[in-house]
Protein backbone atom coordinates (compact mmCIF):
# COMPACT_ATOMS: atom_id res chain seq x y z
CA MET A 1 84.52 107.21 147.53
CA ASP A 2 83.64 105.93 144.46
CA PHE A 3 85.21 103.20 142.87
CA ASN A 4 84.06 104.02 139.52
CA ASP A 5 86.64 106.87 139.60
CA PHE A 6 89.63 104.49 139.86
CA ASP A 7 91.50 102.61 137.22
CA ILE A 8 91.50 99.11 138.26
CA ILE A 9 93.97 97.54 136.55
CA TYR A 10 93.39 93.83 136.08
CA GLN A 11 89.21 93.69 135.46
CA GLU A 12 88.87 95.16 132.24
CA LYS A 13 86.28 91.85 132.29
CA ARG A 14 85.36 91.47 135.36
CA ALA A 15 81.64 90.24 136.41
CA LEU A 16 79.74 91.69 138.84
CA ILE A 17 78.11 89.50 141.24
CA LYS A 18 74.13 89.21 140.88
CA ASN A 19 71.36 89.60 143.07
CA LYS A 20 73.90 91.07 145.38
CA ASP A 21 72.27 92.87 147.94
CA LYS A 22 70.39 88.97 148.64
CA ILE A 23 73.71 87.05 149.04
CA VAL A 24 75.35 89.63 151.62
CA ALA A 25 71.57 89.39 153.07
CA GLU A 26 71.96 85.65 153.71
CA LEU A 27 75.73 85.09 154.14
CA LYS A 28 74.63 87.85 157.16
CA GLN A 29 72.65 85.25 158.66
CA ASN A 30 74.11 82.19 157.92
CA ILE A 31 78.02 83.61 159.52
CA GLY A 32 76.86 86.73 161.42
CA GLU A 33 76.59 90.05 160.55
CA LYS A 34 79.50 91.50 162.19
CA ASN A 35 81.32 89.11 159.66
CA VAL A 36 80.60 90.00 155.97
CA SER A 37 80.94 93.82 155.17
CA THR A 38 80.19 95.45 151.62
CA LYS A 39 81.78 99.20 153.49
CA GLN A 40 83.79 100.82 150.57
CA ILE A 41 86.48 101.21 153.16
CA ASP A 42 86.61 97.35 153.86
CA ILE A 43 86.93 97.10 149.98
CA LEU A 44 89.45 99.27 149.67
CA ALA A 45 91.47 97.48 151.96
CA TYR A 46 91.42 94.15 149.65
CA THR A 47 92.32 95.59 146.46
CA LYS A 48 95.92 95.06 146.32
CA ASP A 49 98.74 93.07 148.61
CA THR A 50 102.52 94.46 148.88
CA SER A 51 103.48 94.08 145.35
CA LEU A 52 105.73 97.67 144.74
CA ILE A 53 103.85 98.27 141.75
CA ALA A 54 100.81 99.02 143.57
CA MET A 55 102.59 101.61 145.68
CA ASN A 56 102.64 103.46 142.33
CA TRP A 57 99.31 102.82 141.58
CA THR A 58 97.93 103.57 145.32
CA MET A 59 99.34 106.84 144.71
CA GLU A 60 97.78 107.92 141.25
CA GLY A 61 94.11 106.70 142.35
CA LYS A 62 94.38 102.89 140.27
CA ILE A 63 93.77 99.62 142.32
CA ALA A 64 95.16 96.43 141.46
CA GLY A 65 91.53 94.60 141.52
CA LEU A 66 88.16 95.35 143.37
CA PRO A 67 86.33 92.19 145.68
CA GLU A 68 82.21 92.84 146.26
CA ILE A 69 82.45 91.36 149.41
CA ILE A 70 84.27 90.83 152.50
CA THR A 71 84.45 88.14 155.06
CA TRP A 72 86.24 86.96 158.34
CA PRO A 73 84.92 83.80 159.23
CA ALA A 74 85.68 82.53 162.53
CA ASN A 75 85.48 78.81 162.29
CA THR A 76 84.87 76.15 159.45
CA SER A 77 81.39 76.41 159.04
CA HIS A 78 81.63 79.88 158.33
CA ILE A 79 84.13 78.78 155.54
CA ILE A 80 81.43 76.42 154.23
CA GLU A 81 78.68 78.51 154.78
CA ILE A 82 80.97 80.74 152.33
CA LEU A 83 81.44 78.42 149.57
CA LYS A 84 77.39 77.09 149.41
CA VAL A 85 76.79 80.11 148.58
CA ALA A 86 80.01 81.00 146.04
CA ASN A 87 79.66 77.49 144.30
CA ARG A 88 75.92 77.77 143.90
CA GLU A 89 76.13 81.13 141.93
CA LYS A 90 79.30 80.57 140.74
CA ILE A 91 81.80 83.69 142.72
CA PRO A 92 84.71 83.79 142.68
CA VAL A 93 86.12 83.70 145.93
CA VAL A 94 89.75 84.36 147.04
CA PRO A 95 91.74 83.53 150.58
CA TYR A 96 93.71 86.14 151.88
CA ALA A 97 96.17 85.63 154.56
CA GLU A 98 97.64 89.21 155.61
CA GLY A 99 98.88 90.69 152.36
CA SER A 100 101.98 90.43 152.09
CA GLY A 101 102.70 88.81 148.92
CA VAL A 102 104.50 90.41 146.58
CA VAL A 103 103.50 88.84 143.21
CA GLY A 104 99.40 89.43 143.24
CA GLY A 105 98.82 85.95 144.66
CA ALA A 106 95.85 87.65 146.83
CA ILE A 107 94.56 90.34 144.53
CA PRO A 108 91.26 89.70 143.55
CA VAL A 109 91.06 89.81 139.39
CA LYS A 110 87.61 88.49 138.92
CA GLY A 111 86.48 90.43 141.86
CA GLY A 112 83.79 88.00 143.85
CA ILE A 113 84.53 87.38 148.15
CA ILE A 114 87.36 87.83 149.93
CA ILE A 115 87.89 84.89 152.71
CA ASP A 116 89.97 86.76 155.24
CA MET A 117 91.72 83.93 157.55
CA LYS A 118 92.86 85.98 160.62
CA ARG A 119 90.34 85.02 162.84
CA PHE A 120 91.65 81.02 162.97
CA ASN A 121 94.41 82.44 165.33
CA LYS A 122 94.67 80.50 167.62
CA ILE A 123 97.79 78.35 169.03
CA ILE A 124 96.57 74.87 169.78
CA GLY A 125 99.11 73.38 171.52
CA ILE A 126 103.35 72.00 171.52
CA ASN A 127 104.47 68.57 171.87
CA ASN A 128 107.64 68.44 173.49
CA LYS A 129 108.41 64.63 172.47
CA ASN A 130 107.52 64.88 168.91
CA LEU A 131 109.21 68.74 168.78
CA SER A 132 105.95 70.17 166.91
CA VAL A 133 103.24 72.85 167.61
CA THR A 134 99.99 72.48 165.47
CA VAL A 135 97.85 76.26 164.97
CA GLN A 136 95.23 77.60 162.96
CA THR A 137 96.43 79.08 160.15
CA GLY A 138 95.80 82.88 160.79
CA THR A 139 98.60 82.73 163.46
CA ASN A 140 100.69 85.76 162.59
CA GLY A 141 104.34 84.78 162.37
CA MET A 142 106.26 86.91 164.78
CA ASN A 143 103.03 86.23 167.06
CA LEU A 144 103.90 82.40 166.71
CA GLU A 145 107.60 82.89 167.13
CA ARG A 146 107.05 84.66 169.99
CA TYR A 147 105.28 82.52 171.47
CA LEU A 148 107.91 79.66 170.74
CA ASN A 149 110.56 81.40 172.58
CA SER A 150 108.71 82.02 175.54
CA LYS A 151 108.29 78.54 175.77
CA GLY A 152 112.43 77.53 174.53
CA TYR A 153 111.65 76.75 170.94
CA THR A 154 112.24 78.26 168.00
CA GLY A 155 110.50 77.50 164.95
CA GLY A 156 113.10 78.15 162.38
CA HIS A 157 110.21 79.65 160.12
CA ILE A 158 112.39 83.69 159.73
CA PRO A 159 111.19 85.34 156.38
CA GLN A 160 111.52 89.14 156.18
CA SER A 161 108.03 89.10 156.25
CA LEU A 162 107.38 88.01 159.97
CA TYR A 163 105.99 90.60 161.23
CA THR A 164 102.94 91.04 158.37
CA SER A 165 103.26 86.81 157.48
CA SER A 166 100.88 84.13 158.44
CA VAL A 167 100.73 80.48 158.87
CA GLY A 168 98.61 79.87 156.02
CA GLY A 169 100.42 82.65 153.82
CA TRP A 170 103.77 80.97 154.22
CA ILE A 171 101.90 77.26 153.15
CA ALA A 172 99.71 78.89 150.29
CA HIS A 173 103.32 80.37 148.68
CA ARG A 174 105.63 77.45 149.54
CA ALA A 175 107.34 80.17 151.18
CA ALA A 176 111.40 79.90 152.43
CA GLY A 177 112.75 81.74 155.80
CA GLN A 178 116.16 83.49 156.60
CA PHE A 179 117.21 80.59 158.82
CA SER A 180 116.39 78.20 155.76
CA SER A 181 119.52 76.63 155.52
CA LYS A 182 119.42 74.60 158.89
CA TYR A 183 115.77 74.62 159.54
CA GLY A 184 114.10 74.19 155.83
CA LYS A 185 111.43 75.66 154.10
CA ILE A 186 107.88 75.65 154.85
CA GLU A 187 107.18 72.25 152.55
CA ASP A 188 110.20 70.88 155.35
CA ILE A 189 108.82 71.92 158.37
CA ILE A 190 104.78 71.17 157.90
CA LEU A 191 103.98 67.88 159.02
CA GLY A 192 100.32 67.97 158.75
CA MET A 193 97.37 69.83 158.20
CA LYS A 194 93.60 70.05 157.78
CA LEU A 195 92.09 71.39 154.88
CA ILE A 196 88.52 73.01 153.26
CA LEU A 197 88.27 72.23 149.39
CA PRO A 198 86.68 74.19 147.24
CA THR A 199 83.42 71.83 147.04
CA GLY A 200 83.09 72.84 150.85
CA ASP A 201 84.22 69.03 151.87
CA LYS A 202 86.98 68.64 154.56
CA ILE A 203 90.35 66.87 154.42
CA LYS A 204 92.94 66.38 156.93
CA PHE A 205 96.78 64.99 156.83
CA ASP A 206 97.53 63.79 159.98
CA PRO A 207 100.86 64.68 161.42
CA MET A 208 103.67 62.31 160.54
CA ALA A 209 107.08 61.81 160.14
CA ARG A 210 106.88 60.02 156.71
CA ALA A 211 104.81 57.66 155.29
CA ALA A 212 104.81 55.67 152.23
CA THR A 213 101.28 55.31 151.34
CA GLY A 214 101.33 56.67 148.24
CA PRO A 215 102.14 59.94 145.76
CA GLN A 216 102.06 62.74 148.78
CA LEU A 217 98.83 64.16 147.64
CA ASP A 218 99.03 67.12 151.00
CA LYS A 219 102.35 67.79 149.16
CA TYR A 220 100.46 69.80 146.60
CA PHE A 221 98.24 71.96 148.44
CA ILE A 222 101.87 73.15 149.36
CA GLY A 223 102.05 76.34 147.04
CA SER A 224 98.60 76.08 145.37
CA GLU A 225 98.42 79.77 146.33
CA GLY A 226 94.38 79.17 147.89
CA THR A 227 93.37 77.86 144.09
CA LEU A 228 92.86 74.25 145.55
CA GLY A 229 91.65 75.05 149.22
CA ILE A 230 91.62 76.25 152.30
CA VAL A 231 94.15 74.92 154.80
CA THR A 232 92.76 75.83 158.73
CA GLU A 233 94.90 74.35 160.62
CA ALA A 234 98.91 72.63 160.39
CA THR A 235 101.26 70.99 162.35
CA LEU A 236 104.91 72.59 162.49
CA LYS A 237 108.31 71.35 163.28
CA ILE A 238 110.22 73.44 165.99
CA TRP A 239 113.45 73.31 167.78
CA PRO A 240 114.74 74.07 171.01
CA TYR A 241 116.57 77.37 171.20
CA PRO A 242 120.09 77.19 169.69
CA GLU A 243 122.65 77.90 172.83
CA LYS A 244 124.90 79.29 171.02
CA ARG A 245 124.93 81.61 167.71
CA ALA A 246 128.35 82.36 165.82
CA LEU A 247 128.44 85.42 163.33
CA ILE A 248 131.21 85.13 160.71
CA SER A 249 131.34 87.52 157.73
CA TYR A 250 133.90 87.09 154.82
CA ALA A 251 134.29 90.06 152.03
CA PHE A 252 135.64 87.77 148.62
CA PRO A 253 137.11 89.97 145.24
CA THR A 254 134.30 88.39 142.87
CA ILE A 255 130.69 86.65 143.34
CA GLU A 256 132.43 83.59 141.92
CA ASP A 257 134.78 83.21 145.19
CA SER A 258 131.84 83.78 147.71
CA LEU A 259 129.45 81.14 145.34
CA ASN A 260 132.38 78.73 145.69
CA ALA A 261 133.01 79.01 149.31
CA THR A 262 129.56 78.06 150.15
CA ARG A 263 128.93 75.53 147.58
CA GLU A 264 131.86 73.99 149.53
CA ILE A 265 130.66 74.70 152.87
CA MET A 266 127.15 72.69 151.81
CA ARG A 267 128.61 70.31 150.19
CA GLU A 268 130.84 69.05 153.33
CA HIS A 269 127.36 68.70 155.18
CA ILE A 270 128.02 71.81 156.91
CA PHE A 271 124.55 74.31 157.06
CA PRO A 272 125.33 77.29 158.77
CA ALA A 273 121.45 78.91 160.03
CA VAL A 274 121.76 82.62 157.97
CA ILE A 275 124.12 82.41 154.81
CA ARG A 276 123.88 85.42 152.31
CA ILE A 277 125.88 87.07 149.80
CA TYR A 278 125.14 90.57 148.57
CA ASP A 279 127.17 91.55 145.03
CA ALA A 280 128.86 94.21 144.83
CA ASP A 281 126.56 96.64 144.39
CA GLU A 282 124.44 95.64 147.49
CA THR A 283 127.97 95.79 149.55
CA LEU A 284 127.94 99.20 149.02
CA ARG A 285 124.71 100.19 150.01
CA HIS A 286 124.08 97.59 152.47
CA PHE A 287 127.87 97.41 154.18
CA ASP A 288 129.94 100.53 152.54
CA HIS A 289 130.85 101.03 156.19
CA ILE A 290 132.82 98.18 156.19
CA GLU A 291 136.61 99.87 154.81
CA LYS A 292 137.18 95.51 154.00
CA ALA A 293 134.13 94.93 152.04
CA LYS A 294 135.04 98.30 149.54
CA ASN A 295 134.37 96.75 145.57
CA LYS A 296 134.38 93.14 147.27
CA VAL A 297 131.29 91.35 147.52
CA MET A 298 130.03 90.85 151.36
CA THR A 299 128.95 87.50 152.65
CA ILE A 300 127.84 86.49 156.50
CA PHE A 301 126.80 83.27 158.25
CA VAL A 302 125.43 82.64 161.35
CA CYS A 303 125.39 79.03 162.62
CA GLU A 304 123.47 77.87 165.40
CA GLY A 305 122.32 75.19 167.44
CA ASN A 306 124.30 73.39 170.02
CA GLU A 307 127.34 74.85 171.34
CA ARG A 308 129.93 72.15 169.64
CA LEU A 309 128.05 71.77 167.07
CA VAL A 310 128.39 75.53 166.37
CA ASP A 311 132.60 75.54 167.55
CA LEU A 312 132.33 72.88 164.54
CA GLU A 313 130.40 74.83 161.68
CA GLU A 314 132.01 77.27 162.32
CA THR A 315 135.71 76.34 162.07
CA ILE A 316 134.39 74.69 158.91
CA THR A 317 133.27 77.83 157.23
CA ARG A 318 136.20 80.03 157.84
CA GLU A 319 138.52 77.93 156.30
CA LYS A 320 136.20 77.16 152.76
CA CYS A 321 136.48 81.18 152.85
CA GLU A 322 140.34 81.84 153.32
CA GLY A 323 140.62 78.65 151.12
CA ASN A 324 138.31 80.99 148.43
CA SER A 325 140.24 84.17 149.19
CA GLY A 326 137.79 85.50 151.30
CA ILE A 327 138.72 88.62 153.71
CA ASP A 328 137.40 88.14 157.41
CA CYS A 329 135.30 91.50 158.10
CA GLY A 330 134.11 90.31 161.74
CA LYS A 331 130.55 89.91 163.32
CA GLU A 332 130.24 94.10 162.82
CA PRO A 333 128.38 93.25 159.48
CA VAL A 334 126.10 90.10 161.26
CA ASP A 335 124.69 92.44 163.85
CA HIS A 336 124.20 95.06 161.15
CA TRP A 337 121.84 92.31 159.11
CA PHE A 338 120.52 91.55 161.93
CA GLU A 339 119.10 95.09 163.16
CA THR A 340 118.22 95.74 159.56
CA ARG A 341 116.51 92.23 158.53
CA PHE A 342 113.25 93.62 158.80
CA LYS A 343 113.32 96.98 157.13
CA VAL A 344 111.84 97.88 153.45
CA THR A 345 112.44 101.26 153.49
CA GLU A 346 114.76 101.16 150.98
CA THR A 347 112.26 99.73 148.62
CA SER A 348 109.06 101.98 149.86
CA MET A 349 111.71 105.28 148.83
CA PHE A 350 110.81 104.95 145.38
CA PRO A 351 106.97 105.12 144.35
CA PRO A 352 106.95 109.05 146.01
CA TYR A 353 110.21 109.46 142.97
CA ARG A 354 108.09 107.88 140.73
CA ILE A 355 110.87 105.08 140.27
CA VAL A 356 109.15 101.74 139.47
CA ALA A 357 111.27 99.00 141.00
CA ASP A 358 110.70 95.52 142.29
CA THR A 359 112.63 92.13 143.74
CA ILE A 360 112.26 88.90 141.73
CA GLU A 361 113.56 85.52 143.49
CA VAL A 362 114.75 82.88 141.46
CA ALA A 363 116.09 79.38 141.72
CA VAL A 364 119.42 77.42 139.74
CA MET A 365 121.06 75.06 140.42
CA TRP A 366 125.25 75.49 141.32
CA ASP A 367 126.76 74.74 138.18
CA ASP A 368 124.76 77.20 136.40
CA ALA A 369 125.18 79.90 138.90
CA SER A 370 127.65 82.14 137.96
CA LYS A 371 126.27 82.07 134.68
CA LEU A 372 122.33 83.38 135.56
CA TYR A 373 123.62 85.62 137.68
CA HIS A 374 125.40 88.18 134.95
CA SER A 375 122.61 86.91 132.16
CA VAL A 376 120.13 88.58 133.99
CA VAL A 377 122.15 91.15 135.19
CA GLU A 378 123.69 92.23 131.08
CA ALA A 379 119.77 91.54 130.13
CA THR A 380 118.18 93.95 132.72
CA GLU A 381 120.59 96.66 132.31
CA LYS A 382 119.80 96.92 128.64
CA VAL A 383 116.19 97.34 129.38
CA GLU A 384 115.36 101.58 128.94
CA GLY A 385 115.08 103.51 131.85
CA ASN A 386 115.86 100.77 133.97
CA LEU A 387 118.48 102.82 136.66
CA LEU A 388 119.59 100.31 138.80
CA VAL A 389 119.82 95.66 138.95
CA SER A 390 121.35 94.55 141.77
CA ALA A 391 122.14 90.89 143.53
CA HIS A 392 122.07 88.46 146.01
CA VAL A 393 122.17 85.03 147.18
CA SER A 394 119.42 84.58 150.41
CA HIS A 395 118.92 80.65 150.03
CA PHE A 396 121.30 77.75 150.00
CA TYR A 397 121.29 73.72 149.38
CA PRO A 398 124.10 71.14 148.60
CA ASN A 399 122.95 71.26 145.04
CA GLY A 400 121.86 75.27 144.23
CA VAL A 401 120.94 78.51 145.46
CA GLY A 402 118.29 81.12 145.17
CA PHE A 403 119.06 84.41 143.55
CA TYR A 404 116.96 87.57 144.36
CA PHE A 405 117.49 90.69 142.12
CA THR A 406 116.24 94.30 142.61
CA PHE A 407 115.73 96.45 139.36
CA GLY A 408 114.32 100.03 139.60
CA GLY A 409 113.94 102.97 137.14
CA VAL A 410 111.37 105.13 135.00
CA PRO A 411 109.30 104.30 132.04
CA GLY A 412 111.10 105.04 128.60
CA LYS A 413 109.42 107.75 126.15
CA GLY A 414 105.86 106.78 125.30
CA LYS A 415 105.61 103.64 128.48
CA SER A 416 103.27 103.45 130.86
CA GLN A 417 104.83 102.45 134.62
CA PHE A 418 102.99 98.87 134.09
CA ASP A 419 104.77 98.33 130.59
CA PHE A 420 108.39 99.23 132.33
CA TYR A 421 107.80 97.06 135.07
CA LYS A 422 106.23 94.12 133.08
CA GLU A 423 109.37 94.62 130.67
CA CYS A 424 112.09 94.67 133.22
CA TRP A 425 110.02 91.35 134.98
CA ASN A 426 109.66 89.34 131.47
CA THR A 427 113.13 90.52 131.09
CA ILE A 428 114.59 88.68 134.20
CA ILE A 429 112.61 85.82 133.75
CA LYS A 430 113.60 85.14 130.50
CA ALA A 431 117.28 85.17 131.11
CA THR A 432 116.31 83.11 134.16
CA LEU A 433 115.30 79.96 132.07
CA GLU A 434 118.07 80.87 129.11
CA SER A 435 120.23 80.12 131.74
CA GLY A 436 118.81 77.07 133.38
CA GLY A 437 116.62 78.56 136.68
CA SER A 438 113.78 78.68 137.74
CA ILE A 439 111.35 81.31 138.02
CA SER A 440 110.37 81.79 141.71
CA HIS A 441 112.28 80.37 144.70
CA HIS A 442 109.50 81.32 147.18
CA HIS A 443 107.69 84.15 146.57
CA GLY A 444 105.05 81.99 144.17
CA ILE A 445 103.69 82.57 141.21
CA GLY A 446 100.07 85.17 141.70
CA ILE A 447 99.97 87.18 138.41
CA ASN A 448 103.84 87.84 137.82
CA ARG A 449 104.90 84.71 136.75
CA SER A 450 101.42 82.77 136.03
CA HIS A 451 101.66 83.73 132.00
CA TRP A 452 105.78 81.74 132.12
CA MET A 453 104.18 78.47 133.89
CA ASP A 454 103.71 76.31 130.52
CA LYS A 455 107.45 77.33 130.37
CA GLU A 456 108.08 76.76 134.17
CA TRP A 457 106.26 73.17 134.01
CA ASP A 458 105.71 72.35 130.13
CA GLY A 459 103.19 69.43 129.76
CA GLY A 460 102.80 69.17 133.60
CA LEU A 461 100.67 72.22 133.34
CA GLU A 462 97.45 70.53 131.54
CA VAL A 463 98.01 67.63 134.33
CA MET A 464 98.03 70.64 136.96
CA LYS A 465 94.82 71.86 135.42
CA LYS A 466 93.17 69.06 135.27
CA PHE A 467 93.64 68.31 138.87
CA LYS A 468 92.23 72.00 139.47
CA ASP A 469 88.88 71.05 137.38
CA ALA A 470 88.01 67.93 139.75
CA LEU A 471 89.02 69.83 143.04
CA ASP A 472 87.22 73.04 141.69
CA PRO A 473 84.76 72.13 138.94
CA ASN A 474 83.12 75.75 139.07
CA ASN A 475 86.60 77.35 139.11
CA ILE A 476 85.46 79.72 141.93
CA PHE A 477 89.18 79.47 143.92
CA ASN A 478 91.24 82.52 142.96
CA PRO A 479 90.73 81.90 139.38
CA GLY A 480 93.20 83.47 137.28
CA LYS A 481 96.55 82.52 138.76
CA ILE A 482 98.69 79.82 138.31
CA TYR A 483 97.01 78.17 135.57
CA GLU A 484 95.83 80.77 133.94
CA LYS A 485 98.04 83.69 131.77
CA THR A 486 97.31 87.16 133.50
CA TRP A 487 99.10 89.25 131.77
CA ASN A 488 97.88 89.94 128.51
CA GLY A 489 96.54 87.15 127.75
CA GLY A 490 100.24 85.78 128.23
CA ASP A 491 101.83 88.35 126.01
CA LYS A 492 105.84 87.89 127.21
């Protein structure tokens, strides 16, 4: 294997590490030979994340980004030793969880050193009285949930990537799970954490129910995508395993009917653990066997917890659905969702057929929700070569919702796959902003959204850059993300 034969998409100006052999030897001496690698097979494994366009590139002999040194630290001292070298030599470092991100957050766009956190995988313990669990952040999500279930608890954080993501990845990307309307997102679940800053300094935020001790500095690191530090340990909320579940589904004539029903449910302070609305196209793809849902908008609910509370939530959920023209479709659609919720075969089928596809999640307040949906669909349908645009609504709040759009198609004449991919992405984000939405709900920023951050944050971006400069004076932590316009120098 010769990486000179690969087209490296994001690294036209990559600066190679000077004195690489000497640095590798120093790292092996300081953190152990087995914890450092420059083998080509190891390098190849860290050239991409799970972005769908990266699958197309792999089939074409292209790679997204190329690191030079892979490390697997086993303790905080190892991380500090790596950072000493990286700061001294001005080498980029990319904290790496399990690589299941889909926006390029872990792609090493400037090369450098990968810090893989998988060896930080200890579940330290449960505090029954505080309803919390403390874990190292390399802990796999499904391993954590299985452990909690065996002890009579649930973590409540169940993303589609549960089998292939870690606690650290959840924190880095400000993740949201499928049961978020009851248990909250990761920023609601995390109680405390320990970090290592880019300079190698350690800080900690002790678990606390709440504290009025000035600005919430700990929250600043949630969603920072490896640009401000590495979270090594976290304390998370847990809940007793639910004693009852109610599975409910209704088909609505229009997406507006389904949005009105779910808005009214949330307005009553009723929080089904799962709510998902599928537009007519996605209903056809996922629920074509449900006769009552033909040409309609499927909406599913899971209410869980204390039996008496579940009974009340089910009653009110049904009242609001039936008051908005909903047709009861029984529990079978929800059973089907449970059976298929971790399968991603639909999108992974596209690359062999040279179809370029992706999913994009955005957020919006209730009063603009319908407008955003129609604006995004109409704008994306106009992109030359696009064959598909559909949506489901995956996260709900008393004040708004999170939409999840899927597009797929083939490039028009004279355009590359990447050109088409970027055009679809930019079209959806532009329509979202024009409709009053936020450009990301839970996947994060990565590469795909970094050139839109000045629109999302306005003047706040300059404040964020100052904070980044203060914490990371050598700009070694995941450079090229969040604060820099990665795509085509910011061309929109």
